[in-house]
């Protein structure tokens, strides 16, 4: 299976069942949509931000059809001015590359530096989908198992009413 081997070991340890979908590299949600036929899950956009000082980093997870202006997101997050984090920061904290951003990258954030914001509507999902730390595959797992993973990984997270 494509993706970070440690991730699969962790999911097995947590007894998380998932469906695996290989596909060509998909750096954007628009390109990924071509390969979602038959994938019964809520698909997400995963956005990696930093604060103005560069000392805090945030992973924002929303349903893939949602559109957010950064200024609106700043008001909702109440974290001050934010911007997309650089490729260097993405690698430093999550060991991911652009186009492969996923909450599964939190396994690489051993200091639990990254704070996660999730759209509250995601809690209503039966199944949810993310890349396995590479954008050439997708995993579908139950939302309950995703929450189990989030609690295990140990990063702080909170739900927001984004829409």
N, C-alpha and C. Protein backbone atom coordinates (compact mmCIF):
# COMPACT_ATOMS: atom_id res chain seq x y z
N UNK A 1 0.84 -1.19 0.00
CA UNK A 1 0.00 0.00 0.00
C UNK A 1 0.88 1.24 0.00
N UNK A 2 0.42 2.23 -0.74
CA UNK A 2 1.14 3.50 -0.81
C UNK A 2 0.92 4.28 0.48
N UNK A 3 1.91 5.08 0.83
CA UNK A 3 1.79 5.91 2.02
C UNK A 3 2.83 5.53 3.05
N UNK A 4 2.80 6.21 4.15
CA UNK A 4 3.79 6.03 5.21
C UNK A 4 3.53 4.72 5.97
N UNK A 5 4.47 3.77 5.94
CA UNK A 5 4.27 2.47 6.61
C UNK A 5 3.90 2.60 8.09
N UNK A 6 4.48 3.57 8.79
CA UNK A 6 4.17 3.76 10.21
C UNK A 6 2.70 4.06 10.44
N UNK A 7 2.08 4.75 9.48
CA UNK A 7 0.66 5.06 9.60
C UNK A 7 -0.15 3.77 9.62
N UNK A 8 0.15 2.86 8.73
CA UNK A 8 -0.59 1.60 8.68
C UNK A 8 -0.39 0.78 9.94
N UNK A 9 0.82 0.84 10.50
CA UNK A 9 1.09 0.14 11.76
C UNK A 9 0.25 0.73 12.89
N UNK A 10 0.15 2.05 12.94
CA UNK A 10 -0.64 2.73 13.97
C UNK A 10 -2.12 2.38 13.82
N UNK A 11 -2.63 2.44 12.60
CA UNK A 11 -4.05 2.12 12.38
C UNK A 11 -4.34 0.68 12.78
N UNK A 12 -3.42 -0.22 12.50
CA UNK A 12 -3.60 -1.61 12.90
C UNK A 12 -3.60 -1.73 14.42
N UNK A 13 -2.66 -1.05 15.07
CA UNK A 13 -2.56 -1.06 16.53
C UNK A 13 -3.85 -0.53 17.17
N UNK A 14 -4.46 0.48 16.55
CA UNK A 14 -5.69 1.09 17.06
C UNK A 14 -6.94 0.31 16.65
N UNK A 15 -6.74 -0.75 15.87
CA UNK A 15 -7.85 -1.56 15.36
C UNK A 15 -8.80 -0.71 14.50
N UNK A 16 -8.20 0.13 13.67
CA UNK A 16 -8.96 1.00 12.76
C UNK A 16 -9.05 0.31 11.40
N UNK A 17 -10.26 0.03 10.99
CA UNK A 17 -10.49 -0.56 9.67
C UNK A 17 -10.63 0.56 8.65
N UNK A 18 -10.14 0.30 7.44
CA UNK A 18 -10.23 1.31 6.39
C UNK A 18 -10.30 0.62 5.03
N UNK A 19 -10.79 1.36 4.06
CA UNK A 19 -10.76 0.93 2.67
C UNK A 19 -9.67 1.75 1.99
N UNK A 20 -8.92 1.10 1.13
CA UNK A 20 -7.77 1.70 0.46
C UNK A 20 -8.09 1.92 -1.01
N UNK A 21 -7.85 3.14 -1.51
CA UNK A 21 -8.11 3.49 -2.90
C UNK A 21 -6.86 4.10 -3.53
N UNK A 22 -6.11 3.33 -4.32
CA UNK A 22 -4.96 3.93 -5.03
C UNK A 22 -5.45 4.77 -6.20
N UNK A 23 -4.71 5.79 -6.56
CA UNK A 23 -5.06 6.64 -7.70
C UNK A 23 -3.82 7.41 -8.11
N UNK A 24 -3.84 8.07 -9.27
CA UNK A 24 -2.70 8.91 -9.65
C UNK A 24 -2.54 10.07 -8.66
N UNK A 25 -1.40 10.71 -8.69
CA UNK A 25 -1.15 11.87 -7.82
C UNK A 25 -2.22 12.92 -8.05
N UNK A 26 -2.79 13.40 -6.94
CA UNK A 26 -3.84 14.43 -7.01
C UNK A 26 -3.48 15.55 -6.04
N UNK A 27 -2.86 16.61 -6.55
CA UNK A 27 -2.41 17.70 -5.68
C UNK A 27 -3.52 18.64 -5.22
N UNK A 28 -4.69 18.56 -5.84
CA UNK A 28 -5.79 19.45 -5.46
C UNK A 28 -7.09 18.65 -5.33
N UNK A 29 -8.03 19.22 -4.62
CA UNK A 29 -9.34 18.60 -4.47
C UNK A 29 -10.00 18.44 -5.85
N UNK A 30 -9.86 19.45 -6.70
CA UNK A 30 -10.47 19.39 -8.02
C UNK A 30 -9.97 18.17 -8.80
N UNK A 31 -8.69 17.89 -8.73
CA UNK A 31 -8.15 16.73 -9.44
C UNK A 31 -8.57 15.43 -8.76
N UNK A 32 -8.63 15.43 -7.44
CA UNK A 32 -9.01 14.22 -6.70
C UNK A 32 -10.44 13.79 -7.02
N UNK A 33 -11.30 14.76 -7.31
CA UNK A 33 -12.71 14.46 -7.57
C UNK A 33 -12.88 13.46 -8.72
N UNK A 34 -11.93 13.44 -9.65
CA UNK A 34 -12.00 12.51 -10.78
C UNK A 34 -11.97 11.05 -10.32
N UNK A 35 -11.38 10.80 -9.16
CA UNK A 35 -11.15 9.43 -8.70
C UNK A 35 -12.03 9.03 -7.51
N UNK A 36 -13.01 9.85 -7.19
CA UNK A 36 -13.85 9.58 -6.03
C UNK A 36 -15.10 8.77 -6.34
N UNK A 37 -15.31 8.44 -7.58
CA UNK A 37 -16.49 7.66 -7.93
C UNK A 37 -16.45 6.33 -7.18
N UNK A 38 -17.55 6.00 -6.52
CA UNK A 38 -17.62 4.76 -5.78
C UNK A 38 -17.03 4.83 -4.38
N UNK A 39 -16.45 5.95 -4.02
CA UNK A 39 -15.87 6.12 -2.68
C UNK A 39 -16.94 6.74 -1.78
N UNK A 40 -17.53 5.93 -0.93
CA UNK A 40 -18.63 6.37 -0.07
C UNK A 40 -18.08 6.97 1.21
N UNK A 41 -17.76 8.26 1.15
CA UNK A 41 -17.19 8.94 2.32
C UNK A 41 -17.25 10.44 2.11
N UNK A 42 -17.17 11.18 3.20
CA UNK A 42 -17.02 12.62 3.12
C UNK A 42 -15.57 12.91 2.81
N UNK A 43 -15.35 13.67 1.75
CA UNK A 43 -13.99 14.03 1.36
C UNK A 43 -13.67 15.39 1.96
N UNK A 44 -12.42 15.56 2.34
CA UNK A 44 -12.04 16.78 3.07
C UNK A 44 -10.94 17.57 2.38
N UNK A 45 -10.95 18.86 2.67
CA UNK A 45 -9.84 19.75 2.36
C UNK A 45 -9.07 19.89 3.65
N UNK A 46 -7.77 19.78 3.56
CA UNK A 46 -6.90 19.89 4.73
C UNK A 46 -5.93 21.03 4.46
N UNK A 47 -6.03 22.08 5.24
CA UNK A 47 -5.26 23.30 5.00
C UNK A 47 -4.30 23.54 6.16
N UNK A 48 -3.04 23.83 5.83
CA UNK A 48 -2.01 24.01 6.85
C UNK A 48 -1.61 25.48 6.91
N UNK A 49 -1.81 26.09 8.08
CA UNK A 49 -1.56 27.52 8.27
C UNK A 49 -0.55 27.77 9.37
N UNK A 50 -0.04 28.99 9.38
CA UNK A 50 0.82 29.47 10.46
C UNK A 50 0.30 30.82 10.91
N UNK A 51 0.60 31.18 12.15
CA UNK A 51 0.20 32.51 12.62
C UNK A 51 1.21 33.55 12.12
N UNK A 52 0.92 34.82 12.39
CA UNK A 52 1.75 35.92 11.90
C UNK A 52 3.19 35.81 12.40
N UNK A 53 3.38 35.42 13.65
CA UNK A 53 4.72 35.30 14.22
C UNK A 53 5.46 34.06 13.72
N UNK A 54 4.70 33.09 13.24
CA UNK A 54 5.32 31.85 12.76
C UNK A 54 5.63 30.85 13.87
N UNK A 55 5.08 31.09 15.06
CA UNK A 55 5.37 30.18 16.17
C UNK A 55 4.23 29.22 16.46
N UNK A 56 3.11 29.34 15.74
CA UNK A 56 1.98 28.43 15.90
C UNK A 56 1.54 27.98 14.52
N UNK A 57 1.12 26.71 14.46
CA UNK A 57 0.69 26.13 13.20
C UNK A 57 -0.64 25.41 13.39
N UNK A 58 -1.46 25.47 12.35
CA UNK A 58 -2.82 24.95 12.45
C UNK A 58 -3.14 24.09 11.24
N UNK A 59 -3.80 22.99 11.49
CA UNK A 59 -4.36 22.17 10.43
C UNK A 59 -5.87 22.38 10.48
N UNK A 60 -6.44 22.85 9.39
CA UNK A 60 -7.86 23.11 9.32
C UNK A 60 -8.48 22.07 8.37
N UNK A 61 -9.49 21.36 8.88
CA UNK A 61 -10.12 20.29 8.11
C UNK A 61 -11.58 20.66 7.87
N UNK A 62 -11.94 20.75 6.59
CA UNK A 62 -13.29 21.11 6.21
C UNK A 62 -13.76 20.16 5.11
N UNK A 63 -15.06 20.11 4.90
CA UNK A 63 -15.62 19.32 3.81
C UNK A 63 -15.14 19.92 2.49
N UNK A 64 -14.83 19.09 1.52
CA UNK A 64 -14.13 19.53 0.31
C UNK A 64 -14.86 20.61 -0.50
N UNK A 65 -16.17 20.74 -0.37
CA UNK A 65 -16.90 21.75 -1.16
C UNK A 65 -16.91 23.12 -0.49
N UNK A 66 -16.48 23.19 0.75
CA UNK A 66 -16.51 24.47 1.46
C UNK A 66 -15.46 25.43 0.90
N UNK A 67 -15.84 26.68 0.82
CA UNK A 67 -14.94 27.74 0.40
C UNK A 67 -14.76 28.69 1.58
N UNK A 68 -13.53 28.95 1.93
CA UNK A 68 -13.26 29.86 3.04
C UNK A 68 -12.26 30.92 2.62
N UNK A 69 -12.58 32.16 2.87
CA UNK A 69 -11.61 33.24 2.69
C UNK A 69 -10.74 33.26 3.94
N UNK A 70 -9.46 33.51 3.77
CA UNK A 70 -8.55 33.52 4.92
C UNK A 70 -9.00 34.53 5.96
N UNK A 71 -9.48 35.70 5.53
CA UNK A 71 -9.92 36.71 6.51
C UNK A 71 -11.10 36.19 7.34
N UNK A 72 -12.01 35.47 6.69
CA UNK A 72 -13.13 34.87 7.41
C UNK A 72 -12.63 33.80 8.37
N UNK A 73 -11.69 33.00 7.89
CA UNK A 73 -11.12 31.95 8.72
C UNK A 73 -10.41 32.54 9.93
N UNK A 74 -9.69 33.63 9.75
CA UNK A 74 -9.02 34.29 10.87
C UNK A 74 -10.01 34.68 11.96
N UNK A 75 -11.16 35.23 11.55
CA UNK A 75 -12.17 35.62 12.52
C UNK A 75 -12.74 34.41 13.24
N UNK A 76 -12.96 33.34 12.51
CA UNK A 76 -13.54 32.14 13.11
C UNK A 76 -12.56 31.43 14.04
N UNK A 77 -11.27 31.41 13.66
CA UNK A 77 -10.27 30.72 14.48
C UNK A 77 -9.86 31.53 15.70
N UNK A 78 -10.00 32.85 15.59
CA UNK A 78 -9.60 33.74 16.69
C UNK A 78 -8.15 33.53 17.09
N UNK A 79 -7.29 33.40 16.08
CA UNK A 79 -5.85 33.18 16.31
C UNK A 79 -5.01 34.32 15.76
N UNK A 80 -5.65 35.43 15.39
CA UNK A 80 -4.91 36.54 14.79
C UNK A 80 -4.70 36.29 13.31
N UNK A 81 -3.76 37.04 12.74
CA UNK A 81 -3.47 36.93 11.30
C UNK A 81 -2.83 35.58 11.00
N UNK A 82 -3.34 34.91 9.97
CA UNK A 82 -2.78 33.62 9.56
C UNK A 82 -2.48 33.65 8.07
N UNK A 83 -1.61 32.75 7.65
CA UNK A 83 -1.32 32.57 6.23
C UNK A 83 -0.96 31.11 6.01
N UNK A 84 -0.98 30.71 4.75
CA UNK A 84 -0.59 29.34 4.46
C UNK A 84 0.87 29.15 4.89
N UNK A 85 1.15 28.03 5.50
CA UNK A 85 2.52 27.72 5.92
C UNK A 85 3.33 27.30 4.71
N UNK A 86 4.62 27.52 4.79
CA UNK A 86 5.51 27.19 3.68
C UNK A 86 5.71 25.68 3.55
N UNK A 87 6.24 25.30 2.42
CA UNK A 87 6.59 23.90 2.16
C UNK A 87 7.60 23.41 3.22
N UNK A 88 8.50 24.28 3.58
CA UNK A 88 9.52 23.94 4.59
C UNK A 88 8.86 23.65 5.95
N UNK A 89 7.90 24.46 6.34
CA UNK A 89 7.19 24.25 7.61
C UNK A 89 6.33 22.99 7.56
N UNK A 90 5.70 22.75 6.43
CA UNK A 90 4.89 21.55 6.25
C UNK A 90 5.75 20.30 6.44
N UNK A 91 6.94 20.33 5.88
CA UNK A 91 7.87 19.20 6.04
C UNK A 91 8.36 19.11 7.48
N UNK A 92 8.68 20.24 8.08
CA UNK A 92 9.23 20.23 9.45
C UNK A 92 8.24 19.64 10.46
N UNK A 93 6.99 20.06 10.39
CA UNK A 93 6.02 19.66 11.41
C UNK A 93 5.24 18.39 11.09
N UNK A 94 4.93 18.17 9.81
CA UNK A 94 4.10 17.02 9.47
C UNK A 94 4.79 16.01 8.55
N UNK A 95 5.98 16.38 8.05
CA UNK A 95 6.72 15.51 7.11
C UNK A 95 5.88 15.20 5.87
N UNK A 96 5.18 16.22 5.39
CA UNK A 96 4.33 16.08 4.21
C UNK A 96 4.79 17.03 3.13
N UNK A 97 4.31 16.78 1.91
CA UNK A 97 4.58 17.66 0.79
C UNK A 97 3.27 18.35 0.38
N UNK A 98 3.36 19.49 -0.30
CA UNK A 98 2.14 20.15 -0.77
C UNK A 98 1.31 19.18 -1.61
N UNK A 99 0.00 19.23 -1.43
CA UNK A 99 -0.89 18.33 -2.14
C UNK A 99 -1.15 17.03 -1.40
N UNK A 100 -0.41 16.82 -0.32
CA UNK A 100 -0.57 15.59 0.47
C UNK A 100 -0.97 15.89 1.91
N UNK A 101 -1.45 17.09 2.17
CA UNK A 101 -1.79 17.48 3.54
C UNK A 101 -2.95 16.62 4.04
N UNK A 102 -2.78 16.09 5.24
CA UNK A 102 -3.73 15.15 5.82
C UNK A 102 -3.53 15.12 7.33
N UNK A 103 -4.59 14.84 8.08
CA UNK A 103 -4.39 14.71 9.53
C UNK A 103 -3.54 13.49 9.90
N UNK A 104 -3.35 12.57 8.97
CA UNK A 104 -2.47 11.43 9.26
C UNK A 104 -1.02 11.87 9.40
N UNK A 105 -0.68 13.05 8.88
CA UNK A 105 0.66 13.60 9.06
C UNK A 105 0.96 13.95 10.51
N UNK A 106 -0.06 14.03 11.34
CA UNK A 106 0.15 14.34 12.76
C UNK A 106 0.99 13.27 13.46
N UNK A 107 1.09 12.07 12.89
CA UNK A 107 1.95 11.04 13.51
C UNK A 107 3.40 11.48 13.50
N UNK A 108 3.75 12.43 12.63
CA UNK A 108 5.13 12.93 12.53
C UNK A 108 5.38 14.15 13.41
N UNK A 109 4.34 14.68 14.01
CA UNK A 109 4.44 15.86 14.88
C UNK A 109 4.65 15.36 16.31
N UNK A 110 5.85 14.89 16.60
CA UNK A 110 6.10 14.23 17.88
C UNK A 110 5.99 15.17 19.08
N UNK A 111 6.08 16.47 18.85
CA UNK A 111 5.94 17.43 19.94
C UNK A 111 4.50 17.96 20.05
N UNK A 112 3.61 17.45 19.21
CA UNK A 112 2.21 17.89 19.19
C UNK A 112 2.10 19.41 19.07
N UNK A 113 2.88 19.95 18.19
CA UNK A 113 2.93 21.40 17.97
C UNK A 113 1.70 21.92 17.22
N UNK A 114 1.21 21.15 16.27
CA UNK A 114 0.12 21.60 15.38
C UNK A 114 -1.23 21.44 16.08
N UNK A 115 -2.00 22.52 16.08
CA UNK A 115 -3.36 22.50 16.63
C UNK A 115 -4.32 22.27 15.46
N UNK A 116 -5.33 21.44 15.68
CA UNK A 116 -6.26 21.06 14.62
C UNK A 116 -7.62 21.71 14.86
N UNK A 117 -8.16 22.32 13.80
CA UNK A 117 -9.51 22.85 13.80
C UNK A 117 -10.31 22.02 12.81
N UNK A 118 -11.46 21.52 13.25
CA UNK A 118 -12.33 20.73 12.39
C UNK A 118 -13.70 21.39 12.30
N UNK A 119 -14.26 21.38 11.11
CA UNK A 119 -15.62 21.86 10.95
C UNK A 119 -16.54 20.92 11.72
N UNK A 120 -17.38 21.48 12.57
CA UNK A 120 -18.29 20.70 13.41
C UNK A 120 -19.19 19.77 12.57
N UNK A 121 -19.50 20.16 11.35
CA UNK A 121 -20.34 19.33 10.49
C UNK A 121 -19.72 17.97 10.20
N UNK A 122 -18.41 17.85 10.30
CA UNK A 122 -17.75 16.57 10.04
C UNK A 122 -18.17 15.50 11.05
N UNK A 123 -18.60 15.93 12.23
CA UNK A 123 -19.03 14.96 13.25
C UNK A 123 -20.27 14.19 12.81
N UNK A 124 -20.99 14.72 11.83
CA UNK A 124 -22.20 14.06 11.33
C UNK A 124 -21.89 12.99 10.28
N UNK A 125 -20.65 12.91 9.87
CA UNK A 125 -20.26 11.97 8.81
C UNK A 125 -20.25 10.54 9.32
N UNK A 126 -20.64 9.65 8.46
CA UNK A 126 -20.52 8.23 8.76
C UNK A 126 -19.09 7.77 8.46
N UNK A 127 -18.61 8.14 7.26
CA UNK A 127 -17.25 7.79 6.85
C UNK A 127 -16.54 9.04 6.35
N UNK A 128 -15.22 9.02 6.46
CA UNK A 128 -14.42 10.18 6.11
C UNK A 128 -13.16 9.69 5.37
N UNK A 129 -12.61 10.52 4.51
CA UNK A 129 -11.49 10.10 3.67
C UNK A 129 -10.33 11.07 3.73
N UNK A 130 -9.12 10.50 3.78
CA UNK A 130 -7.88 11.29 3.78
C UNK A 130 -6.78 10.53 3.05
N UNK A 131 -5.78 11.26 2.58
CA UNK A 131 -4.58 10.63 2.01
C UNK A 131 -3.77 9.98 3.14
N UNK A 132 -3.07 8.87 2.83
CA UNK A 132 -2.20 8.23 3.82
C UNK A 132 -0.78 8.81 3.80
N UNK A 133 -0.69 10.14 3.87
CA UNK A 133 0.57 10.90 3.88
C UNK A 133 1.26 10.91 2.52
N UNK A 134 0.51 10.59 1.50
CA UNK A 134 0.96 10.70 0.11
C UNK A 134 -0.30 10.88 -0.73
N UNK A 135 -0.19 11.66 -1.81
CA UNK A 135 -1.41 11.96 -2.57
C UNK A 135 -1.69 11.00 -3.73
N UNK A 136 -1.17 9.78 -3.63
CA UNK A 136 -1.44 8.77 -4.65
C UNK A 136 -2.32 7.65 -4.11
N UNK A 137 -3.01 7.92 -3.03
CA UNK A 137 -3.98 6.97 -2.46
C UNK A 137 -4.87 7.73 -1.49
N UNK A 138 -6.01 7.11 -1.20
CA UNK A 138 -6.93 7.66 -0.20
C UNK A 138 -7.40 6.51 0.68
N UNK A 139 -7.62 6.83 1.95
CA UNK A 139 -8.17 5.87 2.90
C UNK A 139 -9.55 6.34 3.31
N UNK A 140 -10.47 5.41 3.43
CA UNK A 140 -11.81 5.71 3.94
C UNK A 140 -11.97 4.95 5.24
N UNK A 141 -12.33 5.67 6.29
CA UNK A 141 -12.54 5.05 7.59
C UNK A 141 -13.77 5.65 8.24
N UNK A 142 -14.27 4.98 9.25
CA UNK A 142 -15.44 5.52 9.93
C UNK A 142 -15.03 6.79 10.68
N UNK A 143 -15.99 7.67 10.86
CA UNK A 143 -15.70 8.89 11.61
C UNK A 143 -15.32 8.54 13.05
N UNK A 144 -15.95 7.54 13.62
CA UNK A 144 -15.65 7.09 14.99
C UNK A 144 -14.19 6.67 15.08
N UNK A 145 -13.69 5.93 14.08
CA UNK A 145 -12.29 5.52 14.08
C UNK A 145 -11.36 6.70 13.87
N UNK A 146 -11.80 7.68 13.06
CA UNK A 146 -10.99 8.88 12.89
C UNK A 146 -10.82 9.61 14.22
N UNK A 147 -11.90 9.74 14.99
CA UNK A 147 -11.80 10.38 16.31
C UNK A 147 -10.89 9.57 17.24
N UNK A 148 -10.95 8.26 17.15
CA UNK A 148 -10.06 7.41 17.94
C UNK A 148 -8.60 7.73 17.59
N UNK A 149 -8.32 7.85 16.30
CA UNK A 149 -6.97 8.22 15.86
C UNK A 149 -6.57 9.60 16.39
N UNK A 150 -7.47 10.58 16.26
CA UNK A 150 -7.17 11.94 16.73
C UNK A 150 -6.82 11.95 18.22
N UNK A 151 -7.57 11.23 19.01
CA UNK A 151 -7.28 11.17 20.44
C UNK A 151 -5.94 10.50 20.69
N UNK A 152 -5.65 9.46 19.95
CA UNK A 152 -4.39 8.73 20.13
C UNK A 152 -3.18 9.60 19.78
N UNK A 153 -3.26 10.34 18.68
CA UNK A 153 -2.10 11.09 18.22
C UNK A 153 -1.71 12.19 19.20
N UNK A 154 -2.67 12.73 19.93
CA UNK A 154 -2.35 13.64 21.03
C UNK A 154 -2.27 15.12 20.71
N UNK A 155 -2.46 15.51 19.48
CA UNK A 155 -2.47 16.94 19.18
C UNK A 155 -3.77 17.55 19.70
N UNK A 156 -3.70 18.81 20.09
CA UNK A 156 -4.92 19.49 20.53
C UNK A 156 -5.81 19.72 19.32
N UNK A 157 -7.11 19.63 19.54
CA UNK A 157 -8.04 19.90 18.45
C UNK A 157 -9.34 20.42 19.01
N UNK A 158 -10.07 21.09 18.13
CA UNK A 158 -11.38 21.62 18.51
C UNK A 158 -12.26 21.73 17.28
N UNK A 159 -13.57 21.74 17.54
CA UNK A 159 -14.54 21.84 16.48
C UNK A 159 -15.05 23.28 16.38
N UNK A 160 -15.25 23.73 15.16
CA UNK A 160 -15.78 25.07 14.91
C UNK A 160 -17.00 24.98 14.03
N UNK A 161 -17.88 25.96 14.16
CA UNK A 161 -19.00 26.07 13.25
C UNK A 161 -18.53 26.90 12.05
N UNK A 162 -18.03 26.21 11.05
CA UNK A 162 -17.52 26.92 9.88
C UNK A 162 -18.61 27.17 8.85
N UNK A 163 -19.67 26.38 8.87
CA UNK A 163 -20.84 26.60 8.01
C UNK A 163 -22.04 25.95 8.59
